[in-house]
């Protein structure tokens, strides 16, 4: 079956972006709405991996 991102994946990525905005000490806020789709294009696992790297990098 094709790798189709479902709503659960989308909300997982969205929640992670919102979490990073709230707690990630990012230099500038992430544009949640414009980032969800391109991140999901990479696949959920890949997207969440990238986001966790963002978080780690900023917590150092």
N, C-alpha and C. Protein backbone atom coordinates (compact mmCIF):
# COMPACT_ATOMS: atom_id res chain seq x y z
N UNK A 1 0.84 -1.20 0.00
CA UNK A 1 0.00 0.00 0.00
C UNK A 1 0.88 1.25 0.00
N UNK A 2 0.41 2.31 -0.62
CA UNK A 2 1.25 3.53 -0.72
C UNK A 2 1.48 4.17 0.64
N UNK A 3 2.62 4.82 0.76
CA UNK A 3 2.92 5.53 2.00
C UNK A 3 2.12 6.82 2.04
N UNK A 4 0.94 6.75 2.60
CA UNK A 4 0.09 7.93 2.67
C UNK A 4 0.06 8.42 4.11
N UNK A 5 0.47 9.65 4.32
CA UNK A 5 0.44 10.19 5.68
C UNK A 5 -1.02 10.32 6.10
N UNK A 6 -1.34 9.81 7.28
CA UNK A 6 -2.71 9.96 7.73
C UNK A 6 -2.79 11.10 8.74
N UNK A 7 -4.00 11.35 9.21
CA UNK A 7 -4.20 12.49 10.10
C UNK A 7 -3.43 12.34 11.40
N UNK A 8 -3.29 11.09 11.85
CA UNK A 8 -2.56 10.87 13.09
C UNK A 8 -1.11 11.30 12.92
N UNK A 9 -0.53 10.96 11.77
CA UNK A 9 0.85 11.38 11.51
C UNK A 9 0.94 12.89 11.43
N UNK A 10 0.00 13.48 10.73
CA UNK A 10 0.01 14.93 10.58
C UNK A 10 -0.09 15.60 11.94
N UNK A 11 -0.95 15.09 12.80
CA UNK A 11 -1.10 15.75 14.09
C UNK A 11 0.11 15.48 14.98
N UNK A 12 0.77 14.34 14.78
CA UNK A 12 1.99 14.06 15.54
C UNK A 12 3.07 15.07 15.18
N UNK A 13 3.23 15.30 13.88
CA UNK A 13 4.22 16.26 13.41
C UNK A 13 3.84 17.66 13.87
N UNK A 14 2.56 17.98 13.76
CA UNK A 14 2.09 19.30 14.17
C UNK A 14 2.31 19.51 15.67
N UNK A 15 1.97 18.50 16.46
CA UNK A 15 2.17 18.61 17.91
C UNK A 15 3.63 18.82 18.23
N UNK A 16 4.50 18.12 17.49
CA UNK A 16 5.93 18.23 17.75
C UNK A 16 6.42 19.64 17.42
N UNK A 17 5.95 20.19 16.31
CA UNK A 17 6.31 21.55 15.94
C UNK A 17 5.85 22.54 17.01
N UNK A 18 4.61 22.35 17.47
CA UNK A 18 4.09 23.26 18.50
C UNK A 18 4.88 23.11 19.79
N UNK A 19 5.25 21.87 20.11
CA UNK A 19 6.04 21.64 21.31
C UNK A 19 7.39 22.35 21.21
N UNK A 20 8.01 22.24 20.04
CA UNK A 20 9.30 22.90 19.84
C UNK A 20 9.16 24.41 19.96
N UNK A 21 8.08 24.96 19.43
CA UNK A 21 7.85 26.40 19.57
C UNK A 21 7.72 26.79 21.03
N UNK A 22 7.06 25.93 21.80
CA UNK A 22 6.81 26.27 23.20
C UNK A 22 8.04 26.02 24.07
N UNK A 23 8.78 24.95 23.80
CA UNK A 23 9.82 24.50 24.73
C UNK A 23 11.20 24.37 24.12
N UNK A 24 11.32 24.64 22.82
CA UNK A 24 12.56 24.28 22.14
C UNK A 24 13.66 25.31 22.16
N UNK A 25 13.43 26.46 22.78
CA UNK A 25 14.45 27.52 22.77
C UNK A 25 14.92 27.86 21.37
N UNK A 26 14.01 27.83 20.41
CA UNK A 26 14.40 28.11 19.03
C UNK A 26 14.65 29.60 18.86
N UNK A 27 15.55 29.93 17.96
CA UNK A 27 15.85 31.34 17.70
C UNK A 27 14.64 32.05 17.13
N UNK A 28 13.93 31.36 16.24
CA UNK A 28 12.68 31.94 15.76
C UNK A 28 11.63 30.85 15.69
N UNK A 29 10.39 31.27 15.83
CA UNK A 29 9.30 30.31 15.89
C UNK A 29 9.15 29.59 14.55
N UNK A 30 8.83 28.32 14.62
CA UNK A 30 8.59 27.53 13.42
C UNK A 30 7.20 27.86 12.87
N UNK A 31 7.11 27.93 11.55
CA UNK A 31 5.81 28.14 10.90
C UNK A 31 5.10 26.80 10.81
N UNK A 32 4.30 26.50 11.81
CA UNK A 32 3.71 25.17 11.90
C UNK A 32 2.97 24.80 10.63
N UNK A 33 2.05 25.67 10.19
CA UNK A 33 1.19 25.32 9.07
C UNK A 33 1.97 25.08 7.78
N UNK A 34 3.04 25.85 7.59
CA UNK A 34 3.77 25.69 6.33
C UNK A 34 4.79 24.56 6.40
N UNK A 35 5.07 24.06 7.60
CA UNK A 35 6.07 22.99 7.72
C UNK A 35 5.47 21.59 7.74
N UNK A 36 4.22 21.47 8.14
CA UNK A 36 3.65 20.13 8.28
C UNK A 36 3.70 19.35 6.97
N UNK A 37 3.23 19.96 5.89
CA UNK A 37 3.15 19.24 4.61
C UNK A 37 4.52 18.79 4.10
N UNK A 38 5.51 19.70 4.02
CA UNK A 38 6.81 19.24 3.53
C UNK A 38 7.45 18.19 4.43
N UNK A 39 7.24 18.30 5.73
CA UNK A 39 7.79 17.29 6.63
C UNK A 39 7.13 15.95 6.39
N UNK A 40 5.81 15.95 6.19
CA UNK A 40 5.11 14.70 5.95
C UNK A 40 5.52 14.08 4.61
N UNK A 41 5.92 14.93 3.67
CA UNK A 41 6.41 14.40 2.39
C UNK A 41 7.65 13.55 2.59
N UNK A 42 8.42 13.86 3.62
CA UNK A 42 9.62 13.08 3.91
C UNK A 42 9.27 11.74 4.55
N UNK A 43 8.06 11.65 5.05
CA UNK A 43 7.69 10.49 5.83
C UNK A 43 7.71 10.86 7.31
N UNK A 44 6.77 10.28 8.05
CA UNK A 44 6.61 10.68 9.44
C UNK A 44 7.86 10.40 10.27
N UNK A 45 8.43 9.21 10.09
CA UNK A 45 9.61 8.86 10.89
C UNK A 45 10.73 9.85 10.65
N UNK A 46 10.96 10.13 9.38
CA UNK A 46 12.01 11.07 9.00
C UNK A 46 11.71 12.45 9.58
N UNK A 47 10.47 12.87 9.47
CA UNK A 47 10.07 14.18 9.97
C UNK A 47 10.32 14.29 11.46
N UNK A 48 9.89 13.27 12.21
CA UNK A 48 10.04 13.34 13.66
C UNK A 48 11.50 13.26 14.05
N UNK A 49 12.29 12.54 13.26
CA UNK A 49 13.72 12.46 13.53
C UNK A 49 14.36 13.84 13.37
N UNK A 50 14.02 14.51 12.28
CA UNK A 50 14.55 15.86 12.04
C UNK A 50 14.17 16.78 13.19
N UNK A 51 12.91 16.70 13.61
CA UNK A 51 12.45 17.58 14.68
C UNK A 51 13.14 17.27 15.99
N UNK A 52 13.43 16.00 16.24
CA UNK A 52 14.11 15.69 17.50
C UNK A 52 15.55 16.19 17.45
N UNK A 53 16.15 16.20 16.25
CA UNK A 53 17.50 16.77 16.13
C UNK A 53 17.48 18.27 16.40
N UNK A 54 16.45 18.93 15.88
CA UNK A 54 16.29 20.36 16.14
C UNK A 54 16.27 20.63 17.64
N UNK A 55 15.49 19.79 18.33
CA UNK A 55 15.33 19.99 19.75
C UNK A 55 16.65 19.77 20.48
N UNK A 56 17.36 18.70 20.12
CA UNK A 56 18.63 18.40 20.77
C UNK A 56 19.64 19.51 20.52
N UNK A 57 19.68 19.97 19.27
CA UNK A 57 20.66 21.00 18.92
C UNK A 57 20.41 22.25 19.75
N UNK A 58 19.16 22.56 19.97
CA UNK A 58 18.84 23.79 20.68
C UNK A 58 18.95 23.65 22.19
N UNK A 59 18.98 22.41 22.67
CA UNK A 59 19.05 22.25 24.12
C UNK A 59 20.50 22.16 24.60
N UNK A 60 21.44 22.14 23.66
CA UNK A 60 22.84 22.07 24.07
C UNK A 60 23.32 23.38 24.67
